[in-house]
Amino acid sequence: MNEITKCPKCGGEYVYFDGSLYVCPDCAYEFNEESVSSATASDDIPRDSNGAELFDGDAVTVIKDLKVKGSSMVIKRGTKVKSIRLTGNPEEVDCKINGSGIVLKTCFLKK
């Protein structure tokens, strides 16, 4: 059996196999191995939490309070981020918040 490491819907890392389906405990999404192989074909397209495709220069909104590692800074829910830049990883975008360059995961953003 192939080891599944991430949920195709939310990107959660704690996916387990229950005998017939893979289950993500974070978002309760159930999927089979065929849906994983079709999802990995389109993984190179950066998408926000709602599935909308992201492009360079887009403006997005943060959907959850985020603690910044190595800092006491917290990015509050509802913060608007302008002019994002796509990175080589489709799960991350580069942006500036309060003058600081930060990389955010796309699963915490919406257009």
Protein backbone atom coordinates (compact mmCIF):
# COMPACT_ATOMS: atom_id res chain seq x y z
CA MET A 1 0.00 0.00 0.00
CA ASN A 2 1.19 3.50 -0.78
CA GLU A 3 1.64 5.71 2.22
CA ILE A 4 -0.59 8.78 2.00
CA THR A 5 0.92 11.74 3.83
CA LYS A 6 -1.42 14.64 3.09
CA CYS A 7 -5.14 15.17 2.65
CA PRO A 8 -5.95 16.39 -0.90
CA LYS A 9 -8.66 18.72 0.47
CA CYS A 10 -7.03 20.51 3.42
CA GLY A 11 -3.41 19.36 3.27
CA GLY A 12 -3.61 17.74 6.72
CA GLU A 13 -0.77 15.37 7.56
CA TYR A 14 -2.60 12.94 9.86
CA VAL A 15 -4.43 10.89 7.22
CA TYR A 16 -5.11 7.25 8.06
CA PHE A 17 -6.50 4.23 6.22
CA ASP A 18 -9.64 2.71 7.79
CA GLY A 19 -9.80 -0.43 5.66
CA SER A 20 -11.65 0.87 2.60
CA LEU A 21 -11.04 4.63 2.52
CA TYR A 22 -8.44 7.14 3.59
CA VAL A 23 -9.74 9.54 6.25
CA CYS A 24 -8.49 12.98 7.28
CA PRO A 25 -9.30 13.65 10.95
CA ASP A 26 -8.81 17.42 10.49
CA CYS A 27 -11.55 18.02 7.91
CA ALA A 28 -13.35 14.62 7.97
CA TYR A 29 -12.71 14.16 4.24
CA GLU A 30 -12.83 10.56 3.01
CA PHE A 31 -11.14 9.55 -0.23
CA ASN A 32 -9.79 6.54 -2.08
CA GLU A 33 -6.46 5.97 -3.78
CA GLU A 34 -7.78 6.83 -7.27
CA SER A 35 -8.85 10.31 -6.18
CA VAL A 36 -5.39 10.89 -4.70
CA SER A 37 -3.65 10.05 -7.98
CA SER A 38 -5.93 12.42 -9.93
CA ALA A 39 -5.45 15.17 -7.33
CA THR A 40 -1.66 14.95 -7.51
CA ALA A 41 -1.79 15.67 -11.24
CA SER A 42 -3.14 19.17 -10.57
CA ASP A 43 -1.10 19.85 -7.43
CA ASP A 44 1.17 22.35 -9.17
CA ILE A 45 -1.62 24.97 -9.32
CA PRO A 46 -1.71 27.22 -6.23
CA ARG A 47 -5.24 27.42 -4.80
CA ASP A 48 -6.75 29.20 -1.81
CA SER A 49 -8.83 27.54 0.92
CA ASN A 50 -11.95 27.67 -1.28
CA GLY A 51 -10.23 26.19 -4.34
CA ALA A 52 -9.87 29.42 -6.31
CA GLU A 53 -6.68 29.64 -8.37
CA LEU A 54 -4.11 32.17 -7.12
CA PHE A 55 -1.96 34.38 -9.35
CA ASP A 56 0.95 36.79 -8.77
CA GLY A 57 -0.31 40.14 -7.53
CA ASP A 58 -3.62 38.86 -6.15
CA ALA A 59 -5.09 40.31 -2.96
CA VAL A 60 -6.15 37.73 -0.37
CA THR A 61 -7.60 37.63 3.15
CA VAL A 62 -6.34 35.55 6.08
CA ILE A 63 -9.09 33.20 7.37
CA LYS A 64 -7.53 32.24 10.72
CA ASP A 65 -5.35 33.88 13.41
CA LEU A 66 -1.77 32.83 12.62
CA LYS A 67 1.19 32.91 14.99
CA VAL A 68 4.45 33.85 13.29
CA LYS A 69 7.26 31.44 14.17
CA GLY A 70 10.21 33.07 15.89
CA SER A 71 8.24 36.19 16.73
CA SER A 72 5.54 37.37 19.11
CA MET A 73 3.60 38.70 16.10
CA VAL A 74 0.12 37.34 15.33
CA ILE A 75 -1.56 37.81 11.97
CA LYS A 76 -5.23 38.38 12.78
CA ARG A 77 -8.14 36.79 10.96
CA GLY A 78 -9.47 39.14 8.27
CA THR A 79 -6.09 40.75 7.53
CA LYS A 80 -5.94 41.76 3.86
CA VAL A 81 -2.73 40.92 2.06
CA LYS A 82 -2.05 42.70 -1.23
CA SER A 83 0.30 41.72 -4.04
CA ILE A 84 1.15 38.14 -3.17
CA ARG A 85 3.98 36.41 -5.02
CA LEU A 86 3.84 32.73 -5.90
CA THR A 87 6.73 30.51 -4.86
CA GLY A 88 7.99 27.25 -6.30
CA ASN A 89 5.77 25.42 -3.82
CA PRO A 90 2.05 25.57 -4.75
CA GLU A 91 1.10 25.41 -1.05
CA GLU A 92 2.92 28.65 -0.15
CA VAL A 93 2.85 32.32 -1.18
CA ASP A 94 5.29 35.09 -0.36
CA CYS A 95 3.95 38.45 0.86
CA LYS A 96 4.63 41.47 3.06
CA ILE A 97 2.64 42.18 6.22
CA ASN A 98 3.53 45.28 8.27
CA GLY A 99 6.79 45.60 6.33
CA SER A 100 7.94 42.05 7.12
CA GLY A 101 8.41 39.49 4.37
CA ILE A 102 6.39 36.38 5.29
CA VAL A 103 5.58 33.09 3.59
CA LEU A 104 1.96 31.97 4.16
CA LYS A 105 0.30 28.65 3.46
CA THR A 106 -2.47 28.90 0.86
CA CYS A 107 -4.86 26.83 3.01
CA PHE A 108 -5.18 29.86 5.36
CA LEU A 109 -6.01 32.34 2.59
CA LYS A 110 -9.08 33.22 0.53
CA LYS A 111 -9.46 35.50 -2.47
